[in-house]
Amino acid sequence: MIKKKLTNNQIRSPQVRVIDETEKQLGVISLEKALQISRERNLDLIQITEKVEPPVCKIMDYGKYLYIQKKKTKIRKPQGELKKIRLSFNISVHDLETRANLAKNFLEQGNKVRIELQLRGRQKALTNFAKEKMNKFLENLGEIISFKVEKELKREPRGLTILISKQ
């Protein structure tokens, strides 16, 4: 929600710092003179900030000002969501290639990809073999698309993880 700004005769400060429609600073002038300048140009005097003394006012069309403020506050889709790809301990070579293609698609869309290799029970004792699987997956992915490692290969309670993004 945009907070309504004071305009024209609503401004109460006797002195104001004025910026015109071309972003040129006119300096600190009296409120009456600033209102006169804005009327001559058929524009509005809008109080931008009230936190400083004298307050900063801008000469421009109030509708245009609201439009610009509305555009600034629009919620944009965050760049680079986090996507997850899970690998298993006994994954086949073909499945590794399929998951590499999936990771390539995510990276091309600008997303970061977290690759997880889950380890259960006795598999946790074979972390070297699991690291080889993860490195084989990264080699397959490296042949398809270039990427950079955001967070290195890390041992976690449920397995191994690595975070990558597009280079």
C-alpha atoms as a PDB file:
ATOM      1  CA  MET A   1       0.000   0.000   0.000  1.00  0.00           C
ATOM      2  CA  ILE A   2       1.371   3.405  -0.985  1.00  0.00           C
ATOM      3  CA  LYS A   3       1.292   6.057   1.722  1.00  0.00           C
ATOM      4  CA  LYS A   4      -0.471   9.188   0.486  1.00  0.00           C
ATOM      5  CA  LYS A   5       1.971  12.053   0.092  1.00  0.00           C
ATOM      6  CA  LEU A   6       1.213  15.688   0.838  1.00  0.00           C
ATOM      7  CA  THR A   7       0.617  17.743  -2.295  1.00  0.00           C
ATOM      8  CA  ASN A   8       0.269  21.432  -3.155  1.00  0.00           C
ATOM      9  CA  ASN A   9      -1.678  23.268  -0.392  1.00  0.00           C
ATOM     10  CA  GLN A  10      -1.447  20.342   2.056  1.00  0.00           C
ATOM     11  CA  ILE A  11       2.265  21.052   2.623  1.00  0.00           C
ATOM     12  CA  ARG A  12       2.728  23.056   5.850  1.00  0.00           C
ATOM     13  CA  SER A  13       6.454  23.835   5.980  1.00  0.00           C
ATOM     14  CA  PRO A  14       7.346  27.503   5.219  1.00  0.00           C
ATOM     15  CA  GLN A  15      10.558  26.535   3.395  1.00  0.00           C
ATOM     16  CA  VAL A  16      11.018  23.564   1.044  1.00  0.00           C
ATOM     17  CA  ARG A  17      13.866  22.058  -0.976  1.00  0.00           C
ATOM     18  CA  VAL A  18      12.571  21.785  -4.543  1.00  0.00           C
ATOM     19  CA  ILE A  19      13.470  19.398  -7.361  1.00  0.00           C
ATOM     20  CA  ASP A  20      11.844  20.082 -10.731  1.00  0.00           C
ATOM     21  CA  GLU A  21      10.498  17.616 -13.300  1.00  0.00           C
ATOM     22  CA  THR A  22      13.915  17.300 -15.003  1.00  0.00           C
ATOM     23  CA  GLU A  23      15.542  16.224 -11.681  1.00  0.00           C
ATOM     24  CA  LYS A  24      17.277  19.627 -11.431  1.00  0.00           C
ATOM     25  CA  GLN A  25      17.548  21.024  -7.896  1.00  0.00           C
ATOM     26  CA  LEU A  26      16.112  24.505  -7.510  1.00  0.00           C
ATOM     27  CA  GLY A  27      17.346  24.801  -3.917  1.00  0.00           C
ATOM     28  CA  VAL A  28      15.600  25.856  -0.722  1.00  0.00           C
ATOM     29  CA  ILE A  29      12.801  28.308  -1.498  1.00  0.00           C
ATOM     30  CA  SER A  30       9.607  29.472   0.157  1.00  0.00           C
ATOM     31  CA  LEU A  31       6.497  27.338  -0.143  1.00  0.00           C
ATOM     32  CA  GLU A  32       4.558  30.119  -1.931  1.00  0.00           C
ATOM     33  CA  LYS A  33       7.250  30.445  -4.623  1.00  0.00           C
ATOM     34  CA  ALA A  34       7.419  26.652  -5.084  1.00  0.00           C
ATOM     35  CA  LEU A  35       3.627  26.478  -5.487  1.00  0.00           C
ATOM     36  CA  GLN A  36       3.757  29.345  -7.987  1.00  0.00           C
ATOM     37  CA  ILE A  37       6.426  27.555 -10.070  1.00  0.00           C
ATOM     38  CA  SER A  38       4.430  24.322 -10.060  1.00  0.00           C
ATOM     39  CA  ARG A  39       1.221  26.131 -11.145  1.00  0.00           C
ATOM     40  CA  GLU A  40       3.067  27.893 -13.991  1.00  0.00           C
ATOM     41  CA  ARG A  41       4.181  24.490 -15.302  1.00  0.00           C
ATOM     42  CA  ASN A  42       0.705  22.926 -14.761  1.00  0.00           C
ATOM     43  CA  LEU A  43       2.180  20.337 -12.389  1.00  0.00           C
ATOM     44  CA  ASP A  44       1.859  19.424  -8.711  1.00  0.00           C
ATOM     45  CA  LEU A  45       4.215  20.054  -5.811  1.00  0.00           C
ATOM     46  CA  ILE A  46       4.656  16.726  -4.003  1.00  0.00           C
ATOM     47  CA  GLN A  47       6.371  16.399  -0.622  1.00  0.00           C
ATOM     48  CA  ILE A  48       8.735  13.441  -1.045  1.00  0.00           C
ATOM     49  CA  THR A  49      10.276  13.336   2.450  1.00  0.00           C
ATOM     50  CA  GLU A  50       9.217  14.911   5.695  1.00  0.00           C
ATOM     51  CA  LYS A  51      12.109  13.556   7.756  1.00  0.00           C
ATOM     52  CA  VAL A  52      14.555  16.341   6.851  1.00  0.00           C
ATOM     53  CA  GLU A  53      14.295  20.042   7.496  1.00  0.00           C
ATOM     54  CA  PRO A  54      13.338  21.646   5.127  1.00  0.00           C
ATOM     55  CA  PRO A  55      11.294  18.831   3.511  1.00  0.00           C
ATOM     56  CA  VAL A  56      12.143  17.743  -0.027  1.00  0.00           C
ATOM     57  CA  CYS A  57       9.437  18.451  -2.602  1.00  0.00           C
ATOM     58  CA  LYS A  58       9.269  17.502  -6.245  1.00  0.00           C
ATOM     59  CA  ILE A  59       7.480  19.257  -9.077  1.00  0.00           C
ATOM     60  CA  MET A  60       5.749  16.644 -11.223  1.00  0.00           C
ATOM     61  CA  ASP A  61       2.346  15.253 -12.162  1.00  0.00           C
ATOM     62  CA  TYR A  62       0.833  13.519  -9.111  1.00  0.00           C
ATOM     63  CA  GLY A  63      -0.712  10.734 -11.212  1.00  0.00           C
ATOM     64  CA  LYS A  64       2.672  10.002 -12.777  1.00  0.00           C
ATOM     65  CA  TYR A  65       4.258   9.966  -9.303  1.00  0.00           C
ATOM     66  CA  LEU A  66       1.693   7.410  -8.074  1.00  0.00           C
ATOM     67  CA  TYR A  67       2.270   5.275 -11.167  1.00  0.00           C
ATOM     68  CA  ILE A  68       6.046   5.233 -10.576  1.00  0.00           C
ATOM     69  CA  GLN A  69       5.585   4.351  -6.890  1.00  0.00           C
ATOM     70  CA  LYS A  70       3.158   1.559  -7.780  1.00  0.00           C
ATOM     71  CA  LYS A  71       5.648   0.096 -10.264  1.00  0.00           C
ATOM     72  CA  LYS A  72       8.394   0.153  -7.626  1.00  0.00           C
ATOM     73  CA  THR A  73       6.286  -1.759  -5.113  1.00  0.00           C
ATOM     74  CA  LYS A  74       5.163  -4.505  -7.500  1.00  0.00           C
ATOM     75  CA  ILE A  75       6.233  -7.901  -6.301  1.00  0.00           C
ATOM     76  CA  ARG A  76       8.586  -9.557  -8.748  1.00  0.00           C
ATOM     77  CA  LYS A  77       9.359 -13.224  -8.947  1.00  0.00           C
ATOM     78  CA  PRO A  78      12.585 -13.778  -7.051  1.00  0.00           C
ATOM     79  CA  GLN A  79      15.473 -14.579  -9.312  1.00  0.00           C
ATOM     80  CA  GLY A  80      16.930 -17.984  -8.696  1.00  0.00           C
ATOM     81  CA  GLU A  81      14.669 -20.270  -6.739  1.00  0.00           C
ATOM     82  CA  LEU A  82      16.221 -23.254  -5.029  1.00  0.00           C
ATOM     83  CA  LYS A  83      15.448 -26.544  -6.770  1.00  0.00           C
ATOM     84  CA  LYS A  84      16.328 -29.923  -5.317  1.00  0.00           C
ATOM     85  CA  ILE A  85      17.423 -33.093  -7.062  1.00  0.00           C
ATOM     86  CA  ARG A  86      17.642 -36.297  -5.057  1.00  0.00           C
ATOM     87  CA  LEU A  87      19.970 -39.102  -5.966  1.00  0.00           C
ATOM     88  CA  SER A  88      19.946 -42.518  -4.349  1.00  0.00           C
ATOM     89  CA  PHE A  89      22.869 -44.703  -3.375  1.00  0.00           C
ATOM     90  CA  ASN A  90      22.120 -47.383  -6.002  1.00  0.00           C
ATOM     91  CA  ILE A  91      21.184 -45.036  -8.867  1.00  0.00           C
ATOM     92  CA  SER A  92      21.852 -46.337 -12.376  1.00  0.00           C
ATOM     93  CA  VAL A  93      23.970 -44.563 -15.000  1.00  0.00           C
ATOM     94  CA  HIS A  94      20.952 -43.767 -17.162  1.00  0.00           C
ATOM     95  CA  ASP A  95      19.105 -42.247 -14.203  1.00  0.00           C
ATOM     96  CA  LEU A  96      22.177 -40.108 -13.452  1.00  0.00           C
ATOM     97  CA  GLU A  97      22.031 -38.753 -17.024  1.00  0.00           C
ATOM     98  CA  THR A  98      18.296 -38.064 -16.705  1.00  0.00           C
ATOM     99  CA  ARG A  99      18.812 -36.146 -13.462  1.00  0.00           C
ATOM    100  CA  ALA A 100      21.704 -34.232 -15.061  1.00  0.00           C
ATOM    101  CA  ASN A 101      19.353 -33.104 -17.853  1.00  0.00           C
ATOM    102  CA  LEU A 102      16.813 -32.049 -15.235  1.00  0.00           C
ATOM    103  CA  ALA A 103      19.498 -30.052 -13.406  1.00  0.00           C
ATOM    104  CA  LYS A 104      20.510 -28.444 -16.726  1.00  0.00           C
ATOM    105  CA  ASN A 105      16.925 -27.261 -17.257  1.00  0.00           C
ATOM    106  CA  PHE A 106      16.787 -25.782 -13.758  1.00  0.00           C
ATOM    107  CA  LEU A 107      20.123 -23.988 -14.231  1.00  0.00           C
ATOM    108  CA  GLU A 108      19.057 -22.569 -17.608  1.00  0.00           C
ATOM    109  CA  GLN A 109      15.982 -21.067 -15.926  1.00  0.00           C
ATOM    110  CA  GLY A 110      18.313 -19.239 -13.524  1.00  0.00           C
ATOM    111  CA  ASN A 111      17.602 -21.410 -10.507  1.00  0.00           C
ATOM    112  CA  LYS A 112      20.102 -22.750  -8.006  1.00  0.00           C
ATOM    113  CA  VAL A 113      20.156 -26.522  -7.665  1.00  0.00           C
ATOM    114  CA  ARG A 114      20.745 -28.465  -4.472  1.00  0.00           C
ATOM    115  CA  ILE A 115      21.799 -32.026  -5.198  1.00  0.00           C
ATOM    116  CA  GLU A 116      21.189 -34.506  -2.399  1.00  0.00           C
ATOM    117  CA  LEU A 117      22.439 -38.069  -2.227  1.00  0.00           C
ATOM    118  CA  GLN A 118      20.544 -39.862   0.540  1.00  0.00           C
ATOM    119  CA  LEU A 119      22.291 -42.498   2.610  1.00  0.00           C
ATOM    120  CA  ARG A 120      20.429 -45.019   4.771  1.00  0.00           C
ATOM    121  CA  GLY A 121      21.652 -47.502   7.337  1.00  0.00           C
ATOM    122  CA  ARG A 122      24.845 -49.294   6.231  1.00  0.00           C
ATOM    123  CA  GLN A 123      25.228 -46.929   3.268  1.00  0.00           C
ATOM    124  CA  LYS A 124      26.419 -44.239   5.694  1.00  0.00           C
ATOM    125  CA  ALA A 125      29.604 -46.236   6.235  1.00  0.00           C
ATOM    126  CA  LEU A 126      30.366 -46.116   2.485  1.00  0.00           C
ATOM    127  CA  THR A 127      30.690 -42.342   2.064  1.00  0.00           C
ATOM    128  CA  ASN A 128      33.654 -42.695  -0.331  1.00  0.00           C
ATOM    129  CA  PHE A 129      31.494 -44.659  -2.765  1.00  0.00           C
ATOM    130  CA  ALA A 130      28.723 -42.054  -2.361  1.00  0.00           C
ATOM    131  CA  LYS A 131      31.189 -39.226  -3.092  1.00  0.00           C
ATOM    132  CA  GLU A 132      32.240 -41.043  -6.279  1.00  0.00           C
ATOM    133  CA  LYS A 133      28.554 -41.224  -7.345  1.00  0.00           C
ATOM    134  CA  MET A 134      28.145 -37.511  -6.672  1.00  0.00           C
ATOM    135  CA  ASN A 135      31.335 -36.675  -8.616  1.00  0.00           C
ATOM    136  CA  LYS A 136      30.160 -38.850 -11.517  1.00  0.00           C
ATOM    137  CA  PHE A 137      26.876 -36.906 -11.549  1.00  0.00           C
ATOM    138  CA  LEU A 138      28.765 -33.573 -11.548  1.00  0.00           C
ATOM    139  CA  GLU A 139      30.979 -34.789 -14.431  1.00  0.00           C
ATOM    140  CA  ASN A 140      27.871 -35.721 -16.460  1.00  0.00           C
ATOM    141  CA  LEU A 141      26.369 -32.320 -15.709  1.00  0.00           C
ATOM    142  CA  GLY A 142      29.635 -30.548 -16.562  1.00  0.00           C
ATOM    143  CA  GLU A 143      29.569 -32.087 -20.052  1.00  0.00           C
ATOM    144  CA  ILE A 144      26.083 -30.651 -20.649  1.00  0.00           C
ATOM    145  CA  ILE A 145      26.311 -27.180 -19.063  1.00  0.00           C
ATOM    146  CA  SER A 146      28.902 -25.114 -17.202  1.00  0.00           C
ATOM    147  CA  PHE A 147      28.118 -24.441 -13.568  1.00  0.00           C
ATOM    148  CA  LYS A 148      29.772 -23.134 -10.443  1.00  0.00           C
ATOM    149  CA  VAL A 149      29.689 -24.641  -6.986  1.00  0.00           C
ATOM    150  CA  GLU A 150      28.001 -22.355  -4.442  1.00  0.00           C
ATOM    151  CA  LYS A 151      28.516 -24.677  -1.448  1.00  0.00           C
ATOM    152  CA  GLU A 152      31.026 -27.490  -1.546  1.00  0.00           C
ATOM    153  CA  LEU A 153      30.156 -31.155  -1.158  1.00  0.00           C
ATOM    154  CA  LYS A 154      29.100 -31.531   2.456  1.00  0.00           C
ATOM    155  CA  ARG A 155      28.382 -34.512   4.662  1.00  0.00           C
ATOM    156  CA  GLU A 156      25.051 -34.143   6.460  1.00  0.00           C
ATOM    157  CA  PRO A 157      23.172 -36.544   8.774  1.00  0.00           C
ATOM    158  CA  ARG A 158      21.021 -37.930   5.942  1.00  0.00           C
ATOM    159  CA  GLY A 159      23.684 -38.004   3.240  1.00  0.00           C
ATOM    160  CA  LEU A 160      25.689 -35.706   0.990  1.00  0.00           C
ATOM    161  CA  THR A 161      24.627 -32.321  -0.446  1.00  0.00           C
ATOM    162  CA  ILE A 162      26.081 -29.774  -2.817  1.00  0.00           C
ATOM    163  CA  LEU A 163      24.668 -26.464  -4.074  1.00  0.00           C
ATOM    164  CA  ILE A 164      25.362 -25.311  -7.657  1.00  0.00           C
ATOM    165  CA  SER A 165      24.308 -22.422  -9.870  1.00  0.00           C
ATOM    166  CA  LYS A 166      24.772 -21.331 -13.468  1.00  0.00           C
ATOM    167  CA  GLN A 167      28.138 -19.825 -14.318  1.00  0.00           C
END
